[in-house]
PDB file of N, CA and C in Angstrom:
ATOM      1  N   UNK A   1     254.961 -78.495 -40.283  1.00  0.00           N
ATOM      2  CA  UNK A   1     253.887 -77.796 -40.116  1.00  0.00           C
ATOM      3  C   UNK A   1     253.257 -76.604 -41.524  1.00  0.00           C
ATOM      4  N   UNK A   2     254.455 -76.503 -42.200  1.00  0.00           N
ATOM      5  CA  UNK A   2     254.179 -75.800 -43.555  1.00  0.00           C
ATOM      6  C   UNK A   2     253.650 -76.811 -44.460  1.00  0.00           C
ATOM      7  N   UNK A   3     254.030 -78.006 -44.337  1.00  0.00           N
ATOM      8  CA  UNK A   3     253.491 -79.016 -45.559  1.00  0.00           C
ATOM      9  C   UNK A   3     251.964 -79.134 -45.196  1.00  0.00           C
ATOM     10  N   UNK A   4     251.230 -79.183 -44.139  1.00  0.00           N
ATOM     11  CA  UNK A   4     249.928 -79.469 -43.800  1.00  0.00           C
ATOM     12  C   UNK A   4     249.233 -77.972 -44.092  1.00  0.00           C
ATOM     13  N   UNK A   5     249.830 -77.112 -43.597  1.00  0.00           N
ATOM     14  CA  UNK A   5     249.245 -75.412 -44.210  1.00  0.00           C
ATOM     15  C   UNK A   5     248.859 -75.646 -45.835  1.00  0.00           C
ATOM     16  N   UNK A   6     250.367 -76.150 -46.323  1.00  0.00           N
ATOM     17  CA  UNK A   6     250.159 -76.163 -47.989  1.00  0.00           C
ATOM     18  C   UNK A   6     248.939 -77.087 -48.615  1.00  0.00           C
ATOM     19  N   UNK A   7     249.102 -78.108 -47.535  1.00  0.00           N
ATOM     20  CA  UNK A   7     248.088 -79.642 -48.150  1.00  0.00           C
ATOM     21  C   UNK A   7     246.568 -79.063 -48.163  1.00  0.00           C
ATOM     22  N   UNK A   8     246.474 -78.125 -46.858  1.00  0.00           N
ATOM     23  CA  UNK A   8     244.952 -77.786 -46.694  1.00  0.00           C
ATOM     24  C   UNK A   8     244.619 -76.622 -47.645  1.00  0.00           C
ATOM     25  N   UNK A   9     245.445 -75.835 -47.813  1.00  0.00           N
ATOM     26  CA  UNK A   9     245.295 -74.875 -48.868  1.00  0.00           C
ATOM     27  C   UNK A   9     244.904 -75.469 -50.246  1.00  0.00           C
ATOM     28  N   UNK A  10     245.934 -76.350 -50.575  1.00  0.00           N
ATOM     29  CA  UNK A  10     245.761 -77.098 -51.639  1.00  0.00           C
ATOM     30  C   UNK A  10     244.238 -77.893 -51.982  1.00  0.00           C
ATOM     31  N   UNK A  11     244.156 -78.460 -51.080  1.00  0.00           N
ATOM     32  CA  UNK A  11     242.839 -79.010 -50.963  1.00  0.00           C
ATOM     33  C   UNK A  11     241.700 -78.208 -51.124  1.00  0.00           C
ATOM     34  N   UNK A  12     241.605 -76.879 -50.456  1.00  0.00           N
ATOM     35  CA  UNK A  12     240.508 -75.919 -50.698  1.00  0.00           C
ATOM     36  C   UNK A  12     240.518 -75.211 -51.984  1.00  0.00           C
ATOM     37  N   UNK A  13     241.713 -74.908 -52.481  1.00  0.00           N
ATOM     38  CA  UNK A  13     241.786 -74.489 -53.579  1.00  0.00           C
ATOM     39  C   UNK A  13     241.161 -75.549 -54.895  1.00  0.00           C
ATOM     40  N   UNK A  14     241.539 -76.604 -54.800  1.00  0.00           N
ATOM     41  CA  UNK A  14     241.118 -77.863 -55.762  1.00  0.00           C
ATOM     42  C   UNK A  14     239.637 -78.048 -55.825  1.00  0.00           C
ATOM     43  N   UNK A  15     239.021 -77.932 -54.558  1.00  0.00           N
ATOM     44  CA  UNK A  15     237.910 -77.941 -54.238  1.00  0.00           C
ATOM     45  C   UNK A  15     236.745 -77.010 -54.794  1.00  0.00           C
ATOM     46  N   UNK A  16     237.337 -75.893 -54.590  1.00  0.00           N
ATOM     47  CA  UNK A  16     236.570 -74.513 -55.119  1.00  0.00           C
ATOM     48  C   UNK A  16     236.519 -74.693 -56.529  1.00  0.00           C
ATOM     49  N   UNK A  17     237.550 -75.148 -57.350  1.00  0.00           N
ATOM     50  CA  UNK A  17     237.628 -75.453 -58.593  1.00  0.00           C
ATOM     51  C   UNK A  17     236.548 -76.430 -59.438  1.00  0.00           C
ATOM     52  N   UNK A  18     236.421 -77.538 -58.342  1.00  0.00           N
ATOM     53  CA  UNK A  18     235.495 -78.912 -58.803  1.00  0.00           C
ATOM     54  C   UNK A  18     234.255 -78.267 -58.635  1.00  0.00           C
ATOM     55  N   UNK A  19     233.719 -77.120 -57.968  1.00  0.00           N
ATOM     56  CA  UNK A  19     232.300 -76.906 -58.126  1.00  0.00           C
ATOM     57  C   UNK A  19     231.911 -76.996 -59.328  1.00  0.00           C
ATOM     58  N   UNK A  20     230.838 -77.730 -59.811  1.00  0.00           N
ATOM     59  CA  UNK A  20     230.226 -77.634 -61.094  1.00  0.00           C
ATOM     60  C   UNK A  20     229.483 -76.333 -61.392  1.00  0.00           C
ATOM     61  N   UNK A  21     229.633 -76.180 -62.436  1.00  0.00           N
ATOM     62  CA  UNK A  21     228.696 -74.777 -63.001  1.00  0.00           C
ATOM     63  C   UNK A  21     227.635 -75.173 -64.213  1.00  0.00           C
ATOM     64  N   UNK A  22     226.434 -75.450 -64.215  1.00  0.00           N
ATOM     65  CA  UNK A  22     225.598 -75.412 -65.141  1.00  0.00           C
ATOM     66  C   UNK A  22     225.276 -74.555 -66.298  1.00  0.00           C
ATOM     67  N   UNK A  23     225.104 -73.201 -66.109  1.00  0.00           N
ATOM     68  CA  UNK A  23     224.549 -71.965 -66.435  1.00  0.00           C
ATOM     69  C   UNK A  23     223.186 -71.953 -65.974  1.00  0.00           C
ATOM     70  N   UNK A  24     222.540 -70.974 -66.896  1.00  0.00           N
ATOM     71  CA  UNK A  24     220.994 -70.242 -66.470  1.00  0.00           C
ATOM     72  C   UNK A  24     220.185 -70.698 -67.617  1.00  0.00           C
ATOM     73  N   UNK A  25     219.211 -70.492 -67.752  1.00  0.00           N
ATOM     74  CA  UNK A  25     217.944 -70.572 -68.720  1.00  0.00           C
ATOM     75  C   UNK A  25     217.659 -69.019 -68.698  1.00  0.00           C
ATOM     76  N   UNK A  26     217.603 -68.430 -69.402  1.00  0.00           N
ATOM     77  CA  UNK A  26     216.936 -66.846 -69.333  1.00  0.00           C
ATOM     78  C   UNK A  26     215.793 -66.694 -69.475  1.00  0.00           C
ATOM     79  N   UNK A  27     214.949 -65.719 -68.850  1.00  0.00           N
ATOM     80  CA  UNK A  27     213.459 -65.270 -68.812  1.00  0.00           C
ATOM     81  C   UNK A  27     213.104 -65.043 -70.081  1.00  0.00           C
ATOM     82  N   UNK A  28     211.851 -65.099 -70.662  1.00  0.00           N
ATOM     83  CA  UNK A  28     211.462 -64.846 -71.884  1.00  0.00           C
ATOM     84  C   UNK A  28     211.189 -63.284 -71.958  1.00  0.00           C
ATOM     85  N   UNK A  29     211.925 -62.845 -72.984  1.00  0.00           N
ATOM     86  CA  UNK A  29     211.789 -61.125 -72.892  1.00  0.00           C
ATOM     87  C   UNK A  29     209.999 -61.109 -73.734  1.00  0.00           C
ATOM     88  N   UNK A  30     210.016 -59.514 -73.395  1.00  0.00           N
ATOM     89  CA  UNK A  30     208.745 -59.166 -74.108  1.00  0.00           C
ATOM     90  C   UNK A  30     208.715 -59.381 -75.569  1.00  0.00           C
ATOM     91  N   UNK A  31     209.841 -59.241 -76.224  1.00  0.00           N
ATOM     92  CA  UNK A  31     210.221 -59.525 -77.538  1.00  0.00           C
ATOM     93  C   UNK A  31     209.870 -60.841 -77.975  1.00  0.00           C
ATOM     94  N   UNK A  32     210.408 -61.779 -77.186  1.00  0.00           N
ATOM     95  CA  UNK A  32     210.100 -62.873 -77.382  1.00  0.00           C
ATOM     96  C   UNK A  32     208.943 -63.662 -77.388  1.00  0.00           C
ATOM     97  N   UNK A  33     208.020 -63.064 -76.720  1.00  0.00           N
ATOM     98  CA  UNK A  33     206.525 -63.253 -76.165  1.00  0.00           C
ATOM     99  C   UNK A  33     206.000 -63.027 -77.300  1.00  0.00           C
ATOM    100  N   UNK A  34     206.193 -61.759 -77.955  1.00  0.00           N
ATOM    101  CA  UNK A  34     205.302 -61.031 -78.894  1.00  0.00           C
ATOM    102  C   UNK A  34     205.799 -61.345 -80.265  1.00  0.00           C
ATOM    103  N   UNK A  35     206.647 -62.110 -80.265  1.00  0.00           N
ATOM    104  CA  UNK A  35     207.324 -62.283 -82.140  1.00  0.00           C
ATOM    105  C   UNK A  35     207.352 -64.166 -82.358  1.00  0.00           C
ATOM    106  N   UNK A  36     207.440 -64.901 -81.282  1.00  0.00           N
ATOM    107  CA  UNK A  36     207.510 -66.519 -81.292  1.00  0.00           C
ATOM    108  C   UNK A  36     206.428 -67.024 -82.286  1.00  0.00           C
ATOM    109  N   UNK A  37     206.722 -68.038 -82.981  1.00  0.00           N
ATOM    110  CA  UNK A  37     205.568 -68.817 -83.547  1.00  0.00           C
ATOM    111  C   UNK A  37     205.433 -69.821 -82.766  1.00  0.00           C
ATOM    112  N   UNK A  38     204.724 -70.837 -83.103  1.00  0.00           N
ATOM    113  CA  UNK A  38     204.188 -72.216 -82.347  1.00  0.00           C
ATOM    114  C   UNK A  38     205.532 -72.893 -82.407  1.00  0.00           C
ATOM    115  N   UNK A  39     205.920 -72.734 -83.942  1.00  0.00           N
ATOM    116  CA  UNK A  39     207.208 -73.714 -83.951  1.00  0.00           C
ATOM    117  C   UNK A  39     208.297 -73.388 -83.208  1.00  0.00           C
ATOM    118  N   UNK A  40     208.996 -71.799 -83.316  1.00  0.00           N
ATOM    119  CA  UNK A  40     209.599 -71.308 -82.196  1.00  0.00           C
ATOM    120  C   UNK A  40     209.540 -71.703 -80.847  1.00  0.00           C
ATOM    121  N   UNK A  41     208.311 -71.740 -80.221  1.00  0.00           N
ATOM    122  CA  UNK A  41     208.026 -72.029 -79.147  1.00  0.00           C
ATOM    123  C   UNK A  41     208.305 -73.506 -78.459  1.00  0.00           C
ATOM    124  N   UNK A  42     208.273 -74.450 -79.536  1.00  0.00           N
ATOM    125  CA  UNK A  42     208.269 -75.910 -79.565  1.00  0.00           C
ATOM    126  C   UNK A  42     209.976 -75.944 -79.434  1.00  0.00           C
ATOM    127  N   UNK A  43     210.850 -75.307 -80.261  1.00  0.00           N
ATOM    128  CA  UNK A  43     212.049 -75.459 -80.328  1.00  0.00           C
ATOM    129  C   UNK A  43     212.813 -75.107 -78.973  1.00  0.00           C
ATOM    130  N   UNK A  44     212.251 -73.952 -78.753  1.00  0.00           N
ATOM    131  CA  UNK A  44     212.772 -73.276 -77.251  1.00  0.00           C
ATOM    132  C   UNK A  44     212.615 -74.462 -76.189  1.00  0.00           C
ATOM    133  N   UNK A  45     211.255 -75.131 -76.561  1.00  0.00           N
ATOM    134  CA  UNK A  45     211.047 -75.877 -75.173  1.00  0.00           C
ATOM    135  C   UNK A  45     211.996 -77.306 -75.346  1.00  0.00           C
ATOM    136  N   UNK A  46     212.071 -77.384 -76.489  1.00  0.00           N
ATOM    137  CA  UNK A  46     213.187 -78.732 -76.653  1.00  0.00           C
ATOM    138  C   UNK A  46     214.441 -78.384 -76.038  1.00  0.00           C
ATOM    139  N   UNK A  47     214.910 -77.047 -76.350  1.00  0.00           N
ATOM    140  CA  UNK A  47     216.113 -76.483 -75.778  1.00  0.00           C
ATOM    141  C   UNK A  47     216.309 -76.661 -74.306  1.00  0.00           C
ATOM    142  N   UNK A  48     215.030 -76.159 -73.555  1.00  0.00           N
ATOM    143  CA  UNK A  48     214.666 -76.268 -72.275  1.00  0.00           C
ATOM    144  C   UNK A  48     215.120 -77.560 -71.857  1.00  0.00           C
ATOM    145  N   UNK A  49     214.211 -78.347 -72.716  1.00  0.00           N
ATOM    146  CA  UNK A  49     214.497 -80.335 -71.925  1.00  0.00           C
ATOM    147  C   UNK A  49     215.951 -80.678 -72.105  1.00  0.00           C
ATOM    148  N   UNK A  50     216.467 -80.141 -73.280  1.00  0.00           N
ATOM    149  CA  UNK A  50     217.875 -80.559 -73.646  1.00  0.00           C
ATOM    150  C   UNK A  50     218.879 -80.023 -72.372  1.00  0.00           C
ATOM    151  N   UNK A  51     218.540 -78.798 -72.146  1.00  0.00           N
ATOM    152  CA  UNK A  51     219.345 -78.171 -70.948  1.00  0.00           C
ATOM    153  C   UNK A  51     218.973 -79.320 -69.902  1.00  0.00           C
ATOM    154  N   UNK A  52     217.686 -79.568 -69.140  1.00  0.00           N
ATOM    155  CA  UNK A  52     217.396 -80.195 -68.128  1.00  0.00           C
ATOM    156  C   UNK A  52     218.194 -81.615 -67.930  1.00  0.00           C
ATOM    157  N   UNK A  53     218.029 -81.999 -69.203  1.00  0.00           N
ATOM    158  CA  UNK A  53     219.120 -83.428 -69.445  1.00  0.00           C
ATOM    159  C   UNK A  53     220.149 -83.179 -69.134  1.00  0.00           C
ATOM    160  N   UNK A  54     221.163 -82.218 -69.583  1.00  0.00           N
ATOM    161  CA  UNK A  54     222.429 -82.015 -69.414  1.00  0.00           C
ATOM    162  C   UNK A  54     222.537 -81.795 -68.115  1.00  0.00           C
ATOM    163  N   UNK A  55     221.812 -81.172 -67.330  1.00  0.00           N
ATOM    164  CA  UNK A  55     222.005 -80.821 -66.077  1.00  0.00           C
ATOM    165  C   UNK A  55     221.734 -82.208 -65.111  1.00  0.00           C
ATOM    166  N   UNK A  56     220.808 -82.718 -65.279  1.00  0.00           N
ATOM    167  CA  UNK A  56     220.788 -84.082 -64.487  1.00  0.00           C
ATOM    168  C   UNK A  56     221.816 -85.299 -65.011  1.00  0.00           C
ATOM    169  N   UNK A  57     222.453 -84.913 -65.984  1.00  0.00           N
ATOM    170  CA  UNK A  57     223.633 -86.229 -66.271  1.00  0.00           C
ATOM    171  C   UNK A  57     224.919 -85.365 -65.725  1.00  0.00           C
ATOM    172  N   UNK A  58     225.113 -84.082 -65.839  1.00  0.00           N
ATOM    173  CA  UNK A  58     226.345 -83.935 -64.814  1.00  0.00           C
ATOM    174  C   UNK A  58     226.475 -83.698 -63.316  1.00  0.00           C
ATOM    175  N   UNK A  59     225.243 -83.983 -63.391  1.00  0.00           N
ATOM    176  CA  UNK A  59     224.935 -83.681 -61.414  1.00  0.00           C
ATOM    177  C   UNK A  59     225.180 -84.844 -60.962  1.00  0.00           C
ATOM    178  N   UNK A  60     225.308 -86.132 -61.789  1.00  0.00           N
ATOM    179  CA  UNK A  60     225.569 -87.475 -60.921  1.00  0.00           C
ATOM    180  C   UNK A  60     227.312 -87.262 -60.491  1.00  0.00           C
ATOM    181  N   UNK A  61     226.970 -88.291 -59.597  1.00  0.00           N
ATOM    182  CA  UNK A  61     228.722 -88.090 -58.986  1.00  0.00           C
ATOM    183  C   UNK A  61     229.429 -88.521 -59.775  1.00  0.00           C
ATOM    184  N   UNK A  62     230.922 -87.730 -59.880  1.00  0.00           N
ATOM    185  CA  UNK A  62     231.920 -88.230 -60.229  1.00  0.00           C
ATOM    186  C   UNK A  62     233.247 -87.447 -59.477  1.00  0.00           C
ATOM    187  N   UNK A  63     234.353 -87.570 -60.024  1.00  0.00           N
ATOM    188  CA  UNK A  63     235.338 -87.249 -59.398  1.00  0.00           C
ATOM    189  C   UNK A  63     235.340 -85.898 -58.751  1.00  0.00           C
ATOM    190  N   UNK A  64     234.668 -84.688 -59.598  1.00  0.00           N
ATOM    191  CA  UNK A  64     234.297 -83.452 -59.043  1.00  0.00           C
ATOM    192  C   UNK A  64     233.648 -83.507 -58.163  1.00  0.00           C
ATOM    193  N   UNK A  65     232.599 -84.165 -57.685  1.00  0.00           N
ATOM    194  CA  UNK A  65     231.813 -84.433 -56.565  1.00  0.00           C
ATOM    195  C   UNK A  65     232.306 -84.479 -55.196  1.00  0.00           C
ATOM    196  N   UNK A  66     233.552 -85.618 -55.562  1.00  0.00           N
ATOM    197  CA  UNK A  66     234.428 -85.795 -54.624  1.00  0.00           C
ATOM    198  C   UNK A  66     235.159 -84.749 -53.900  1.00  0.00           C
ATOM    199  N   UNK A  67     235.800 -84.086 -54.783  1.00  0.00           N
ATOM    200  CA  UNK A  67     236.487 -82.876 -54.573  1.00  0.00           C
ATOM    201  C   UNK A  67     235.672 -81.853 -54.129  1.00  0.00           C
ATOM    202  N   UNK A  68     234.820 -81.378 -54.464  1.00  0.00           N
ATOM    203  CA  UNK A  68     234.018 -80.381 -53.940  1.00  0.00           C
ATOM    204  C   UNK A  68     233.128 -80.893 -52.567  1.00  0.00           C
ATOM    205  N   UNK A  69     232.991 -81.910 -52.660  1.00  0.00           N
ATOM    206  CA  UNK A  69     232.586 -82.348 -50.818  1.00  0.00           C
ATOM    207  C   UNK A  69     233.441 -82.138 -49.833  1.00  0.00           C
ATOM    208  N   UNK A  70     235.027 -82.582 -50.411  1.00  0.00           N
ATOM    209  CA  UNK A  70     235.958 -82.205 -49.403  1.00  0.00           C
ATOM    210  C   UNK A  70     235.996 -80.583 -48.832  1.00  0.00           C
ATOM    211  N   UNK A  71     235.518 -79.773 -49.682  1.00  0.00           N
ATOM    212  CA  UNK A  71     235.223 -78.146 -49.661  1.00  0.00           C
ATOM    213  C   UNK A  71     234.088 -78.012 -48.785  1.00  0.00           C
ATOM    214  N   UNK A  72     233.278 -77.843 -49.245  1.00  0.00           N
ATOM    215  CA  UNK A  72     231.785 -77.471 -48.884  1.00  0.00           C
ATOM    216  C   UNK A  72     230.925 -78.602 -48.703  1.00  0.00           C
ATOM    217  N   UNK A  73     231.040 -80.045 -48.496  1.00  0.00           N
ATOM    218  CA  UNK A  73     230.298 -81.022 -48.168  1.00  0.00           C
ATOM    219  C   UNK A  73     229.212 -81.128 -49.249  1.00  0.00           C
ATOM    220  N   UNK A  74     229.624 -80.861 -50.809  1.00  0.00           N
ATOM    221  CA  UNK A  74     228.626 -80.832 -51.724  1.00  0.00           C
ATOM    222  C   UNK A  74     227.556 -79.887 -51.705  1.00  0.00           C
ATOM    223  N   UNK A  75     227.448 -78.797 -50.975  1.00  0.00           N
ATOM    224  CA  UNK A  75     226.398 -77.736 -50.917  1.00  0.00           C
ATOM    225  C   UNK A  75     226.530 -77.196 -51.973  1.00  0.00           C
ATOM    226  N   UNK A  76     227.730 -76.612 -52.506  1.00  0.00           N
ATOM    227  CA  UNK A  76     227.725 -75.909 -53.784  1.00  0.00           C
ATOM    228  C   UNK A  76     227.315 -76.364 -54.668  1.00  0.00           C
ATOM    229  N   UNK A  77     227.460 -77.526 -55.211  1.00  0.00           N
ATOM    230  CA  UNK A  77     226.990 -78.414 -56.413  1.00  0.00           C
ATOM    231  C   UNK A  77     225.396 -78.641 -56.036  1.00  0.00           C
ATOM    232  N   UNK A  78     224.917 -78.855 -54.993  1.00  0.00           N
ATOM    233  CA  UNK A  78     223.518 -79.109 -54.908  1.00  0.00           C
ATOM    234  C   UNK A  78     222.879 -77.434 -55.229  1.00  0.00           C
ATOM    235  N   UNK A  79     223.614 -76.036 -54.772  1.00  0.00           N
ATOM    236  CA  UNK A  79     223.095 -75.216 -54.785  1.00  0.00           C
ATOM    237  C   UNK A  79     222.743 -74.809 -56.380  1.00  0.00           C
ATOM    238  N   UNK A  80     223.937 -75.041 -56.768  1.00  0.00           N
ATOM    239  CA  UNK A  80     224.126 -74.779 -58.557  1.00  0.00           C
ATOM    240  C   UNK A  80     223.067 -75.463 -59.237  1.00  0.00           C
ATOM    241  N   UNK A  81     222.773 -76.614 -59.098  1.00  0.00           N
ATOM    242  CA  UNK A  81     221.913 -77.781 -59.466  1.00  0.00           C
ATOM    243  C   UNK A  81     220.299 -76.887 -59.501  1.00  0.00           C
ATOM    244  N   UNK A  82     220.165 -76.783 -58.301  1.00  0.00           N
ATOM    245  CA  UNK A  82     218.994 -76.562 -57.809  1.00  0.00           C
ATOM    246  C   UNK A  82     218.742 -74.938 -58.428  1.00  0.00           C
ATOM    247  N   UNK A  83     219.781 -73.891 -58.697  1.00  0.00           N
ATOM    248  CA  UNK A  83     219.508 -72.577 -59.496  1.00  0.00           C
ATOM    249  C   UNK A  83     219.343 -72.921 -60.938  1.00  0.00           C
ATOM    250  N   UNK A  84     220.017 -74.081 -61.286  1.00  0.00           N
ATOM    251  CA  UNK A  84     219.838 -73.876 -62.845  1.00  0.00           C
ATOM    252  C   UNK A  84     218.452 -74.650 -63.158  1.00  0.00           C
ATOM    253  N   UNK A  85     217.867 -75.752 -62.314  1.00  0.00           N
ATOM    254  CA  UNK A  85     216.699 -76.281 -62.837  1.00  0.00           C
ATOM    255  C   UNK A  85     215.594 -75.120 -62.461  1.00  0.00           C
ATOM    256  N   UNK A  86     215.759 -74.211 -61.358  1.00  0.00           N
ATOM    257  CA  UNK A  86     214.475 -73.367 -61.116  1.00  0.00           C
ATOM    258  C   UNK A  86     214.840 -72.637 -62.426  1.00  0.00           C
ATOM    259  N   UNK A  87     215.887 -71.953 -63.108  1.00  0.00           N
ATOM    260  CA  UNK A  87     215.710 -71.117 -64.078  1.00  0.00           C
ATOM    261  C   UNK A  87     215.256 -71.757 -65.285  1.00  0.00           C
ATOM    262  N   UNK A  88     215.527 -73.050 -65.532  1.00  0.00           N
ATOM    263  CA  UNK A  88     214.880 -73.943 -66.601  1.00  0.00           C
ATOM    264  C   UNK A  88     213.305 -74.059 -66.400  1.00  0.00           C
ATOM    265  N   UNK A  89     212.911 -74.453 -65.217  1.00  0.00           N
ATOM    266  CA  UNK A  89     211.552 -74.776 -64.963  1.00  0.00           C
ATOM    267  C   UNK A  89     210.654 -73.472 -65.104  1.00  0.00           C
ATOM    268  N   UNK A  90     211.382 -72.067 -64.867  1.00  0.00           N
ATOM    269  CA  UNK A  90     210.477 -71.092 -65.072  1.00  0.00           C
ATOM    270  C   UNK A  90     210.723 -70.735 -66.367  1.00  0.00           C
ATOM    271  N   UNK A  91     211.454 -70.843 -67.052  1.00  0.00           N
ATOM    272  CA  UNK A  91     211.253 -70.853 -68.650  1.00  0.00           C
ATOM    273  C   UNK A  91     210.382 -71.820 -69.269  1.00  0.00           C
ATOM    274  N   UNK A  92     210.546 -72.680 -69.087  1.00  0.00           N
ATOM    275  CA  UNK A  92     209.419 -73.906 -69.888  1.00  0.00           C
ATOM    276  C   UNK A  92     208.038 -73.510 -69.134  1.00  0.00           C
ATOM    277  N   UNK A  93     207.846 -73.014 -67.718  1.00  0.00           N
ATOM    278  CA  UNK A  93     206.600 -72.520 -67.534  1.00  0.00           C
ATOM    279  C   UNK A  93     206.038 -71.139 -68.220  1.00  0.00           C
ATOM    280  N   UNK A  94     206.866 -70.473 -68.481  1.00  0.00           N
ATOM    281  CA  UNK A  94     206.273 -69.154 -69.557  1.00  0.00           C
ATOM    282  C   UNK A  94     206.143 -69.563 -71.186  1.00  0.00           C
ATOM    283  N   UNK A  95     207.199 -70.673 -71.521  1.00  0.00           N
ATOM    284  CA  UNK A  95     206.954 -71.227 -72.902  1.00  0.00           C
ATOM    285  C   UNK A  95     205.575 -71.955 -72.705  1.00  0.00           C
ATOM    286  N   UNK A  96     205.143 -72.420 -71.903  1.00  0.00           N
ATOM    287  CA  UNK A  96     203.583 -73.068 -71.783  1.00  0.00           C
ATOM    288  C   UNK A  96     202.808 -72.194 -71.584  1.00  0.00           C
ATOM    289  N   UNK A  97     202.931 -71.105 -70.570  1.00  0.00           N
ATOM    290  CA  UNK A  97     201.971 -69.927 -70.833  1.00  0.00           C
ATOM    291  C   UNK A  97     201.818 -69.405 -72.180  1.00  0.00           C
ATOM    292  N   UNK A  98     203.108 -69.078 -73.126  1.00  0.00           N
ATOM    293  CA  UNK A  98     202.991 -68.400 -74.367  1.00  0.00           C
ATOM    294  C   UNK A  98     202.226 -69.476 -75.198  1.00  0.00           C
ATOM    295  N   UNK A  99     202.705 -70.704 -75.042  1.00  0.00           N
ATOM    296  CA  UNK A  99     201.775 -71.693 -76.532  1.00  0.00           C
ATOM    297  C   UNK A  99     200.304 -71.606 -75.903  1.00  0.00           C
ATOM    298  N   UNK A 100     199.854 -71.574 -74.766  1.00  0.00           N
ATOM    299  CA  UNK A 100     198.472 -71.543 -74.589  1.00  0.00           C
ATOM    300  C   UNK A 100     197.885 -70.110 -74.600  1.00  0.00           C
ATOM    301  N   UNK A 101     198.549 -69.304 -74.846  1.00  0.00           N
ATOM    302  CA  UNK A 101     197.923 -67.821 -75.265  1.00  0.00           C
ATOM    303  C   UNK A 101     197.726 -67.392 -76.627  1.00  0.00           C
ATOM    304  N   UNK A 102     198.748 -68.142 -77.496  1.00  0.00           N
ATOM    305  CA  UNK A 102     198.709 -68.350 -78.990  1.00  0.00           C
ATOM    306  C   UNK A 102     198.123 -69.444 -79.449  1.00  0.00           C
ATOM    307  N   UNK A 103     197.344 -70.056 -78.648  1.00  0.00           N
ATOM    308  CA  UNK A 103     196.357 -71.268 -79.113  1.00  0.00           C
ATOM    309  C   UNK A 103     197.475 -72.294 -79.984  1.00  0.00           C
ATOM    310  N   UNK A 104     198.383 -72.306 -79.498  1.00  0.00           N
ATOM    311  CA  UNK A 104     199.099 -73.722 -80.088  1.00  0.00           C
ATOM    312  C   UNK A 104     198.988 -74.932 -79.524  1.00  0.00           C
ATOM    313  N   UNK A 105     198.954 -75.923 -80.270  1.00  0.00           N
ATOM    314  CA  UNK A 105     198.586 -77.100 -79.968  1.00  0.00           C
ATOM    315  C   UNK A 105     199.546 -77.656 -78.449  1.00  0.00           C
ATOM    316  N   UNK A 106     199.504 -78.800 -78.237  1.00  0.00           N
ATOM    317  CA  UNK A 106     200.198 -79.238 -76.906  1.00  0.00           C
ATOM    318  C   UNK A 106     201.918 -79.644 -77.268  1.00  0.00           C
ATOM    319  N   UNK A 107     202.634 -79.335 -76.826  1.00  0.00           N
ATOM    320  CA  UNK A 107     204.078 -79.625 -77.096  1.00  0.00           C
ATOM    321  C   UNK A 107     204.201 -80.901 -77.338  1.00  0.00           C
ATOM    322  N   UNK A 108     204.657 -81.492 -78.176  1.00  0.00           N
ATOM    323  CA  UNK A 108     204.794 -82.659 -79.042  1.00  0.00           C
ATOM    324  C   UNK A 108     206.222 -83.565 -78.325  1.00  0.00           C
ATOM    325  N   UNK A 109     206.197 -84.015 -77.185  1.00  0.00           N
ATOM    326  CA  UNK A 109     207.516 -84.564 -76.879  1.00  0.00           C
ATOM    327  C   UNK A 109     207.605 -86.119 -77.592  1.00  0.00           C
ATOM    328  N   UNK A 110     209.029 -86.069 -77.867  1.00  0.00           N
ATOM    329  CA  UNK A 110     209.414 -87.275 -78.657  1.00  0.00           C
ATOM    330  C   UNK A 110     210.529 -87.737 -77.721  1.00  0.00           C
ATOM    331  N   UNK A 111     210.257 -88.994 -77.080  1.00  0.00           N
ATOM    332  CA  UNK A 111     211.132 -89.732 -75.927  1.00  0.00           C
ATOM    333  C   UNK A 111     212.531 -89.711 -76.717  1.00  0.00           C
ATOM    334  N   UNK A 112     213.601 -89.236 -75.933  1.00  0.00           N
ATOM    335  CA  UNK A 112     214.858 -89.677 -76.229  1.00  0.00           C
ATOM    336  C   UNK A 112     215.225 -91.194 -76.802  1.00  0.00           C
ATOM    337  N   UNK A 113     216.055 -91.332 -78.044  1.00  0.00           N
ATOM    338  CA  UNK A 113     216.556 -92.680 -77.990  1.00  0.00           C
ATOM    339  C   UNK A 113     217.519 -92.904 -77.371  1.00  0.00           C
ATOM    340  N   UNK A 114     217.571 -94.420 -76.809  1.00  0.00           N
ATOM    341  CA  UNK A 114     218.703 -94.701 -76.218  1.00  0.00           C
ATOM    342  C   UNK A 114     219.815 -94.859 -76.788  1.00  0.00           C
ATOM    343  N   UNK A 115     220.955 -94.641 -76.325  1.00  0.00           N
ATOM    344  CA  UNK A 115     222.443 -94.325 -76.752  1.00  0.00           C
ATOM    345  C   UNK A 115     222.713 -95.803 -77.206  1.00  0.00           C
ATOM    346  N   UNK A 116     223.439 -96.019 -78.280  1.00  0.00           N
ATOM    347  CA  UNK A 116     223.918 -97.075 -78.810  1.00  0.00           C
ATOM    348  C   UNK A 116     225.513 -97.850 -78.278  1.00  0.00           C
TER     349      UNK A 116
END
């Protein structure tokens, strides 16, 4: 009986550690809105796009996904990804609005080069 209880506790503990953490993109501050140049806006947009690519790559199914599924049926990972993507989309929208208000041209996206 003790072994079964220990096994259940171990699985729950491991699955809690297996939930992925992507981080968040911060909101644009008033200072950023007032001081960013068009070039800096483009650089920040590129960083946001890189963050989104990172989240999409990391959210693919792997060993941590299996462990977290055992603990919470994958809900924690899904909620974490949704929150990370929401923060990135808010920042991207704010950067797009700032780009338009400053009269900058459209953000020139360069397609990523495939890995060799």
